[in-house]
């Protein structure tokens, strides 16, 4: 099963910069998860498709669809729980 964590961000977003080190740590520890970053200023169509209204927004999905969505800075433990729910 494929599990993906997508980070919707913008360069001007302060909380997004706070989220970055948490995601970098997770990416180093979870080699079987696909990590993607979507700059909402550059890829507005993708952001609209996922109904992103606030930043940062993190979306965890697997082959069955979206498992969890987080809005705002999200702690590592919450992300790990959601990744577990997604099948990691």
PDB file of N, CA and C in Angstrom:
ATOM      1  N   UNK A   1       0.845  -1.187   0.000  1.00  0.00           N
ATOM      2  CA  UNK A   1       0.000   0.000   0.000  1.00  0.00           C
ATOM      3  C   UNK A   1       0.885   1.243   0.000  1.00  0.00           C
ATOM      4  N   UNK A   2       0.547   2.170  -0.848  1.00  0.00           N
ATOM      5  CA  UNK A   2       1.278   3.429  -0.917  1.00  0.00           C
ATOM      6  C   UNK A   2       0.682   4.422   0.073  1.00  0.00           C
ATOM      7  N   UNK A   3       1.556   5.037   0.858  1.00  0.00           N
ATOM      8  CA  UNK A   3       1.130   6.089   1.787  1.00  0.00           C
ATOM      9  C   UNK A   3       1.907   7.347   1.432  1.00  0.00           C
ATOM     10  N   UNK A   4       1.166   8.456   1.327  1.00  0.00           N
ATOM     11  CA  UNK A   4       1.778   9.727   0.965  1.00  0.00           C
ATOM     12  C   UNK A   4       1.381  10.800   1.967  1.00  0.00           C
ATOM     13  N   UNK A   5       2.352  11.629   2.328  1.00  0.00           N
ATOM     14  CA  UNK A   5       2.097  12.804   3.161  1.00  0.00           C
ATOM     15  C   UNK A   5       2.421  14.013   2.299  1.00  0.00           C
ATOM     16  N   UNK A   6       1.414  14.843   2.067  1.00  0.00           N
ATOM     17  CA  UNK A   6       1.596  16.045   1.254  1.00  0.00           C
ATOM     18  C   UNK A   6       1.526  17.272   2.147  1.00  0.00           C
ATOM     19  N   UNK A   7       2.531  18.111   2.020  1.00  0.00           N
ATOM     20  CA  UNK A   7       2.648  19.357   2.769  1.00  0.00           C
ATOM     21  C   UNK A   7       2.289  20.506   1.836  1.00  0.00           C
ATOM     22  N   UNK A   8       1.172  21.164   2.117  1.00  0.00           N
ATOM     23  CA  UNK A   8       0.771  22.352   1.367  1.00  0.00           C
ATOM     24  C   UNK A   8       1.306  23.556   2.122  1.00  0.00           C
ATOM     25  N   UNK A   9       2.131  24.363   1.453  1.00  0.00           N
ATOM     26  CA  UNK A   9       2.836  25.453   2.119  1.00  0.00           C
ATOM     27  C   UNK A   9       2.975  26.650   1.177  1.00  0.00           C
ATOM     28  N   UNK A  10       3.534  27.723   1.731  1.00  0.00           N
ATOM     29  CA  UNK A  10       3.939  28.880   0.920  1.00  0.00           C
ATOM     30  C   UNK A  10       5.215  29.435   1.544  1.00  0.00           C
ATOM     31  N   UNK A  11       6.061  30.017   0.716  1.00  0.00           N
ATOM     32  CA  UNK A  11       7.339  30.554   1.210  1.00  0.00           C
ATOM     33  C   UNK A  11       7.143  31.661   2.245  1.00  0.00           C
ATOM     34  N   UNK A  12       6.049  32.396   2.146  1.00  0.00           N
ATOM     35  CA  UNK A  12       5.806  33.523   3.044  1.00  0.00           C
ATOM     36  C   UNK A  12       5.147  33.096   4.360  1.00  0.00           C
ATOM     37  N   UNK A  13       4.843  31.827   4.514  1.00  0.00           N
ATOM     38  CA  UNK A  13       4.084  31.313   5.665  1.00  0.00           C
ATOM     39  C   UNK A  13       5.013  30.975   6.832  1.00  0.00           C
ATOM     40  N   UNK A  14       4.923  31.749   7.904  1.00  0.00           N
ATOM     41  CA  UNK A  14       5.746  31.519   9.094  1.00  0.00           C
ATOM     42  C   UNK A  14       5.521  30.151   9.733  1.00  0.00           C
ATOM     43  N   UNK A  15       4.259  29.766  10.000  1.00  0.00           N
ATOM     44  CA  UNK A  15       4.019  28.445  10.583  1.00  0.00           C
ATOM     45  C   UNK A  15       4.532  27.296   9.700  1.00  0.00           C
ATOM     46  N   UNK A  16       4.560  27.507   8.394  1.00  0.00           N
ATOM     47  CA  UNK A  16       5.091  26.473   7.492  1.00  0.00           C
ATOM     48  C   UNK A  16       6.571  26.227   7.783  1.00  0.00           C
ATOM     49  N   UNK A  17       7.294  27.299   8.083  1.00  0.00           N
ATOM     50  CA  UNK A  17       8.717  27.169   8.411  1.00  0.00           C
ATOM     51  C   UNK A  17       8.897  26.418   9.729  1.00  0.00           C
ATOM     52  N   UNK A  18       7.962  26.571  10.647  1.00  0.00           N
ATOM     53  CA  UNK A  18       7.992  25.821  11.908  1.00  0.00           C
ATOM     54  C   UNK A  18       7.720  24.346  11.653  1.00  0.00           C
ATOM     55  N   UNK A  19       6.867  24.046  10.695  1.00  0.00           N
ATOM     56  CA  UNK A  19       6.505  22.661  10.380  1.00  0.00           C
ATOM     57  C   UNK A  19       7.649  21.914   9.681  1.00  0.00           C
ATOM     58  N   UNK A  20       8.460  22.621   8.914  1.00  0.00           N
ATOM     59  CA  UNK A  20       9.493  21.978   8.089  1.00  0.00           C
ATOM     60  C   UNK A  20      10.408  21.017   8.842  1.00  0.00           C
ATOM     61  N   UNK A  21      11.012  21.409   9.988  1.00  0.00           N
ATOM     62  CA  UNK A  21      11.930  20.470  10.653  1.00  0.00           C
ATOM     63  C   UNK A  21      11.233  19.194  11.142  1.00  0.00           C
ATOM     64  N   UNK A  22       9.980  19.303  11.516  1.00  0.00           N
ATOM     65  CA  UNK A  22       9.220  18.128  11.957  1.00  0.00           C
ATOM     66  C   UNK A  22       9.059  17.166  10.783  1.00  0.00           C
ATOM     67  N   UNK A  23       8.727  17.703   9.619  1.00  0.00           N
ATOM     68  CA  UNK A  23       8.549  16.865   8.432  1.00  0.00           C
ATOM     69  C   UNK A  23       9.879  16.271   7.968  1.00  0.00           C
ATOM     70  N   UNK A  24      10.951  17.040   8.086  1.00  0.00           N
ATOM     71  CA  UNK A  24      12.267  16.524   7.687  1.00  0.00           C
ATOM     72  C   UNK A  24      12.668  15.339   8.550  1.00  0.00           C
ATOM     73  N   UNK A  25      12.405  15.412   9.862  1.00  0.00           N
ATOM     74  CA  UNK A  25      12.699  14.291  10.757  1.00  0.00           C
ATOM     75  C   UNK A  25      11.873  13.065  10.375  1.00  0.00           C
ATOM     76  N   UNK A  26      10.586  13.273  10.131  1.00  0.00           N
ATOM     77  CA  UNK A  26       9.721  12.159   9.742  1.00  0.00           C
ATOM     78  C   UNK A  26      10.199  11.515   8.447  1.00  0.00           C
ATOM     79  N   UNK A  27      10.553  12.336   7.484  1.00  0.00           N
ATOM     80  CA  UNK A  27      10.984  11.811   6.192  1.00  0.00           C
ATOM     81  C   UNK A  27      12.232  10.942   6.348  1.00  0.00           C
ATOM     82  N   UNK A  28      13.124  11.323   7.256  1.00  0.00           N
ATOM     83  CA  UNK A  28      14.333  10.543   7.494  1.00  0.00           C
ATOM     84  C   UNK A  28      14.005   9.191   8.134  1.00  0.00           C
ATOM     85  N   UNK A  29      12.944   9.144   8.937  1.00  0.00           N
ATOM     86  CA  UNK A  29      12.600   7.933   9.683  1.00  0.00           C
ATOM     87  C   UNK A  29      11.600   7.023   8.976  1.00  0.00           C
ATOM     88  N   UNK A  30      10.870   7.548   8.012  1.00  0.00           N
ATOM     89  CA  UNK A  30       9.822   6.780   7.328  1.00  0.00           C
ATOM     90  C   UNK A  30      10.147   6.667   5.841  1.00  0.00           C
ATOM     91  N   UNK A  31      11.032   5.749   5.512  1.00  0.00           N
ATOM     92  CA  UNK A  31      11.470   5.598   4.127  1.00  0.00           C
ATOM     93  C   UNK A  31      10.367   5.048   3.221  1.00  0.00           C
ATOM     94  N   UNK A  32       9.366   4.378   3.824  1.00  0.00           N
ATOM     95  CA  UNK A  32       8.307   3.773   3.011  1.00  0.00           C
ATOM     96  C   UNK A  32       7.121   4.709   2.780  1.00  0.00           C
ATOM     97  N   UNK A  33       7.255   5.962   3.190  1.00  0.00           N
ATOM     98  CA  UNK A  33       6.206   6.959   2.972  1.00  0.00           C
ATOM     99  C   UNK A  33       6.688   7.947   1.912  1.00  0.00           C
ATOM    100  N   UNK A  34       5.820   8.261   0.953  1.00  0.00           N
ATOM    101  CA  UNK A  34       6.139   9.288  -0.038  1.00  0.00           C
ATOM    102  C   UNK A  34       5.842  10.658   0.578  1.00  0.00           C
ATOM    103  N   UNK A  35       6.812  11.543   0.542  1.00  0.00           N
ATOM    104  CA  UNK A  35       6.625  12.904   1.036  1.00  0.00           C
ATOM    105  C   UNK A  35       6.596  13.845  -0.152  1.00  0.00           C
ATOM    106  N   UNK A  36       5.601  14.723  -0.180  1.00  0.00           N
ATOM    107  CA  UNK A  36       5.471  15.692  -1.269  1.00  0.00           C
ATOM    108  C   UNK A  36       5.233  17.072  -0.679  1.00  0.00           C
ATOM    109  N   UNK A  37       5.735  18.081  -1.379  1.00  0.00           N
ATOM    110  CA  UNK A  37       5.513  19.463  -0.974  1.00  0.00           C
ATOM    111  C   UNK A  37       4.815  20.177  -2.124  1.00  0.00           C
ATOM    112  N   UNK A  38       3.762  20.916  -1.801  1.00  0.00           N
ATOM    113  CA  UNK A  38       3.034  21.668  -2.813  1.00  0.00           C
ATOM    114  C   UNK A  38       3.022  23.140  -2.398  1.00  0.00           C
ATOM    115  N   UNK A  39       3.678  23.972  -3.202  1.00  0.00           N
ATOM    116  CA  UNK A  39       3.672  25.416  -2.989  1.00  0.00           C
ATOM    117  C   UNK A  39       2.337  25.935  -3.536  1.00  0.00           C
ATOM    118  N   UNK A  40       1.474  26.391  -2.642  1.00  0.00           N
ATOM    119  CA  UNK A  40       0.122  26.773  -3.061  1.00  0.00           C
ATOM    120  C   UNK A  40       0.121  27.982  -3.993  1.00  0.00           C
ATOM    121  N   UNK A  41       1.157  28.789  -3.944  1.00  0.00           N
ATOM    122  CA  UNK A  41       1.243  29.927  -4.862  1.00  0.00           C
ATOM    123  C   UNK A  41       1.580  29.463  -6.272  1.00  0.00           C
ATOM    124  N   UNK A  42       2.352  28.394  -6.381  1.00  0.00           N
ATOM    125  CA  UNK A  42       2.769  27.865  -7.681  1.00  0.00           C
ATOM    126  C   UNK A  42       1.775  26.857  -8.245  1.00  0.00           C
ATOM    127  N   UNK A  43       1.088  26.135  -7.374  1.00  0.00           N
ATOM    128  CA  UNK A  43       0.212  25.045  -7.807  1.00  0.00           C
ATOM    129  C   UNK A  43      -1.193  25.212  -7.209  1.00  0.00           C
ATOM    130  N   UNK A  44      -1.841  26.313  -7.584  1.00  0.00           N
ATOM    131  CA  UNK A  44      -3.158  26.628  -7.038  1.00  0.00           C
ATOM    132  C   UNK A  44      -4.208  25.587  -7.393  1.00  0.00           C
ATOM    133  N   UNK A  45      -4.100  24.984  -8.566  1.00  0.00           N
ATOM    134  CA  UNK A  45      -5.094  23.979  -8.964  1.00  0.00           C
ATOM    135  C   UNK A  45      -5.066  22.773  -8.029  1.00  0.00           C
ATOM    136  N   UNK A  46      -3.868  22.336  -7.660  1.00  0.00           N
ATOM    137  CA  UNK A  46      -3.733  21.194  -6.749  1.00  0.00           C
ATOM    138  C   UNK A  46      -4.270  21.576  -5.366  1.00  0.00           C
ATOM    139  N   UNK A  47      -3.932  22.773  -4.913  1.00  0.00           N
ATOM    140  CA  UNK A  47      -4.423  23.240  -3.613  1.00  0.00           C
ATOM    141  C   UNK A  47      -5.949  23.311  -3.605  1.00  0.00           C
ATOM    142  N   UNK A  48      -6.534  23.762  -4.703  1.00  0.00           N
ATOM    143  CA  UNK A  48      -7.994  23.824  -4.789  1.00  0.00           C
ATOM    144  C   UNK A  48      -8.606  22.426  -4.801  1.00  0.00           C
ATOM    145  N   UNK A  49      -7.966  21.505  -5.490  1.00  0.00           N
ATOM    146  CA  UNK A  49      -8.459  20.128  -5.556  1.00  0.00           C
ATOM    147  C   UNK A  49      -8.537  19.518  -4.150  1.00  0.00           C
ATOM    148  N   UNK A  50      -7.555  19.851  -3.316  1.00  0.00           N
ATOM    149  CA  UNK A  50      -7.521  19.345  -1.944  1.00  0.00           C
ATOM    150  C   UNK A  50      -8.229  20.278  -0.959  1.00  0.00           C
ATOM    151  N   UNK A  51      -8.850  21.319  -1.470  1.00  0.00           N
ATOM    152  CA  UNK A  51      -9.607  22.281  -0.668  1.00  0.00           C
ATOM    153  C   UNK A  51      -8.769  22.890   0.462  1.00  0.00           C
ATOM    154  N   UNK A  52      -7.563  23.290   0.126  1.00  0.00           N
ATOM    155  CA  UNK A  52      -6.660  23.907   1.097  1.00  0.00           C
ATOM    156  C   UNK A  52      -7.081  25.356   1.298  1.00  0.00           C
ATOM    157  N   UNK A  53      -7.380  25.709   2.533  1.00  0.00           N
ATOM    158  CA  UNK A  53      -7.837  27.070   2.848  1.00  0.00           C
ATOM    159  C   UNK A  53      -6.903  27.781   3.829  1.00  0.00           C
ATOM    160  N   UNK A  54      -6.090  27.016   4.577  1.00  0.00           N
ATOM    161  CA  UNK A  54      -5.160  27.581   5.556  1.00  0.00           C
ATOM    162  C   UNK A  54      -3.838  26.839   5.443  1.00  0.00           C
ATOM    163  N   UNK A  55      -2.786  27.502   5.886  1.00  0.00           N
ATOM    164  CA  UNK A  55      -1.449  26.915   5.808  1.00  0.00           C
ATOM    165  C   UNK A  55      -0.803  26.850   7.185  1.00  0.00           C
ATOM    166  N   UNK A  56       0.038  25.864   7.406  1.00  0.00           N
ATOM    167  CA  UNK A  56       0.230  24.701   6.556  1.00  0.00           C
ATOM    168  C   UNK A  56      -0.952  23.734   6.648  1.00  0.00           C
ATOM    169  N   UNK A  57      -1.185  23.010   5.580  1.00  0.00           N
ATOM    170  CA  UNK A  57      -2.133  21.900   5.584  1.00  0.00           C
ATOM    171  C   UNK A  57      -1.360  20.650   5.206  1.00  0.00           C
ATOM    172  N   UNK A  58      -1.527  19.603   6.002  1.00  0.00           N
ATOM    173  CA  UNK A  58      -0.885  18.323   5.736  1.00  0.00           C
ATOM    174  C   UNK A  58      -1.967  17.303   5.446  1.00  0.00           C
ATOM    175  N   UNK A  59      -1.789  16.552   4.367  1.00  0.00           N
ATOM    176  CA  UNK A  59      -2.764  15.537   3.983  1.00  0.00           C
ATOM    177  C   UNK A  59      -2.040  14.193   3.914  1.00  0.00           C
ATOM    178  N   UNK A  60      -2.568  13.226   4.653  1.00  0.00           N
ATOM    179  CA  UNK A  60      -2.035  11.867   4.609  1.00  0.00           C
ATOM    180  C   UNK A  60      -3.058  11.011   3.890  1.00  0.00           C
ATOM    181  N   UNK A  61      -2.589  10.313   2.850  1.00  0.00           N
ATOM    182  CA  UNK A  61      -3.499   9.475   2.082  1.00  0.00           C
ATOM    183  C   UNK A  61      -2.827   8.153   1.733  1.00  0.00           C
ATOM    184  N   UNK A  62      -3.677   7.166   1.484  1.00  0.00           N
ATOM    185  CA  UNK A  62      -3.193   5.874   1.015  1.00  0.00           C
ATOM    186  C   UNK A  62      -3.995   5.490  -0.223  1.00  0.00           C
ATOM    187  N   UNK A  63      -3.905   4.233  -0.624  1.00  0.00           N
ATOM    188  CA  UNK A  63      -4.587   3.799  -1.842  1.00  0.00           C
ATOM    189  C   UNK A  63      -6.104   3.966  -1.764  1.00  0.00           C
ATOM    190  N   UNK A  64      -6.642   4.017  -0.555  1.00  0.00           N
ATOM    191  CA  UNK A  64      -8.087   4.159  -0.365  1.00  0.00           C
ATOM    192  C   UNK A  64      -8.548   5.617  -0.363  1.00  0.00           C
ATOM    193  N   UNK A  65      -7.620   6.570  -0.309  1.00  0.00           N
ATOM    194  CA  UNK A  65      -7.977   7.987  -0.289  1.00  0.00           C
ATOM    195  C   UNK A  65      -7.380   8.698   0.906  1.00  0.00           C
ATOM    196  N   UNK A  66      -7.950   9.846   1.252  1.00  0.00           N
ATOM    197  CA  UNK A  66      -7.435  10.657   2.356  1.00  0.00           C
ATOM    198  C   UNK A  66      -7.759   9.981   3.678  1.00  0.00           C
ATOM    199  N   UNK A  67      -6.722   9.806   4.500  1.00  0.00           N
ATOM    200  CA  UNK A  67      -6.866   9.187   5.812  1.00  0.00           C
ATOM    201  C   UNK A  67      -7.004  10.269   6.887  1.00  0.00           C
ATOM    202  N   UNK A  68      -6.212  11.341   6.744  1.00  0.00           N
ATOM    203  CA  UNK A  68      -6.197  12.385   7.766  1.00  0.00           C
ATOM    204  C   UNK A  68      -5.761  13.690   7.123  1.00  0.00           C
ATOM    205  N   UNK A  69      -6.285  14.778   7.681  1.00  0.00           N
ATOM    206  CA  UNK A  69      -5.926  16.125   7.236  1.00  0.00           C
ATOM    207  C   UNK A  69      -5.643  16.945   8.483  1.00  0.00           C
ATOM    208  N   UNK A  70      -4.534  17.661   8.463  1.00  0.00           N
ATOM    209  CA  UNK A  70      -4.151  18.530   9.573  1.00  0.00           C
ATOM    210  C   UNK A  70      -4.008  19.948   9.055  1.00  0.00           C
ATOM    211  N   UNK A  71      -4.510  20.909   9.816  1.00  0.00           N
ATOM    212  CA  UNK A  71      -4.375  22.318   9.463  1.00  0.00           C
ATOM    213  C   UNK A  71      -3.639  22.999  10.612  1.00  0.00           C
ATOM    214  N   UNK A  72      -2.580  23.725  10.264  1.00  0.00           N
ATOM    215  CA  UNK A  72      -1.750  24.357  11.286  1.00  0.00           C
ATOM    216  C   UNK A  72      -0.564  23.468  11.609  1.00  0.00           C
ATOM    217  N   UNK A  73       0.345  23.995  12.420  1.00  0.00           N
ATOM    218  CA  UNK A  73       1.537  23.233  12.790  1.00  0.00           C
ATOM    219  C   UNK A  73       1.105  21.984  13.552  1.00  0.00           C
ATOM    220  N   UNK A  74       1.592  20.842  13.104  1.00  0.00           N
ATOM    221  CA  UNK A  74       1.192  19.552  13.668  1.00  0.00           C
ATOM    222  C   UNK A  74       2.419  18.855  14.233  1.00  0.00           C
ATOM    223  N   UNK A  75       2.280  18.350  15.447  1.00  0.00           N
ATOM    224  CA  UNK A  75       3.398  17.704  16.120  1.00  0.00           C
ATOM    225  C   UNK A  75       3.667  16.316  15.559  1.00  0.00           C
ATOM    226  N   UNK A  76       4.891  15.863  15.738  1.00  0.00           N
ATOM    227  CA  UNK A  76       5.342  14.585  15.199  1.00  0.00           C
ATOM    228  C   UNK A  76       4.457  13.424  15.659  1.00  0.00           C
ATOM    229  N   UNK A  77       4.122  13.363  16.929  1.00  0.00           N
ATOM    230  CA  UNK A  77       3.329  12.252  17.448  1.00  0.00           C
ATOM    231  C   UNK A  77       1.979  12.128  16.755  1.00  0.00           C
ATOM    232  N   UNK A  78       1.336  13.251  16.488  1.00  0.00           N
ATOM    233  CA  UNK A  78       0.045  13.230  15.788  1.00  0.00           C
ATOM    234  C   UNK A  78       0.207  12.706  14.358  1.00  0.00           C
ATOM    235  N   UNK A  79       1.294  13.098  13.717  1.00  0.00           N
ATOM    236  CA  UNK A  79       1.555  12.632  12.355  1.00  0.00           C
ATOM    237  C   UNK A  79       1.878  11.142  12.350  1.00  0.00           C
ATOM    238  N   UNK A  80       2.628  10.695  13.336  1.00  0.00           N
ATOM    239  CA  UNK A  80       2.960   9.265  13.424  1.00  0.00           C
ATOM    240  C   UNK A  80       1.694   8.433  13.637  1.00  0.00           C
ATOM    241  N   UNK A  81       0.796   8.902  14.473  1.00  0.00           N
ATOM    242  CA  UNK A  81      -0.470   8.196  14.690  1.00  0.00           C
ATOM    243  C   UNK A  81      -1.261   8.088  13.388  1.00  0.00           C
ATOM    244  N   UNK A  82      -1.316   9.170  12.637  1.00  0.00           N
ATOM    245  CA  UNK A  82      -2.057   9.173  11.376  1.00  0.00           C
ATOM    246  C   UNK A  82      -1.381   8.273  10.344  1.00  0.00           C
ATOM    247  N   UNK A  83      -0.060   8.259  10.313  1.00  0.00           N
ATOM    248  CA  UNK A  83       0.653   7.365   9.392  1.00  0.00           C
ATOM    249  C   UNK A  83       0.374   5.913   9.733  1.00  0.00           C
ATOM    250  N   UNK A  84       0.285   5.628  11.018  1.00  0.00           N
ATOM    251  CA  UNK A  84      -0.058   4.274  11.456  1.00  0.00           C
ATOM    252  C   UNK A  84      -1.467   3.905  10.994  1.00  0.00           C
ATOM    253  N   UNK A  85      -2.407   4.836  11.146  1.00  0.00           N
ATOM    254  CA  UNK A  85      -3.779   4.614  10.686  1.00  0.00           C
ATOM    255  C   UNK A  85      -3.835   4.398   9.170  1.00  0.00           C
ATOM    256  N   UNK A  86      -2.891   5.003   8.456  1.00  0.00           N
ATOM    257  CA  UNK A  86      -2.857   4.903   7.002  1.00  0.00           C
ATOM    258  C   UNK A  86      -2.247   3.588   6.525  1.00  0.00           C
ATOM    259  N   UNK A  87      -1.648   2.847   7.461  1.00  0.00           N
ATOM    260  CA  UNK A  87      -1.104   1.545   7.093  1.00  0.00           C
ATOM    261  C   UNK A  87       0.405   1.437   7.100  1.00  0.00           C
ATOM    262  N   UNK A  88       1.080   2.404   7.709  1.00  0.00           N
ATOM    263  CA  UNK A  88       2.542   2.338   7.783  1.00  0.00           C
ATOM    264  C   UNK A  88       2.954   1.545   9.004  1.00  0.00           C
TER     265      UNK A  88
END
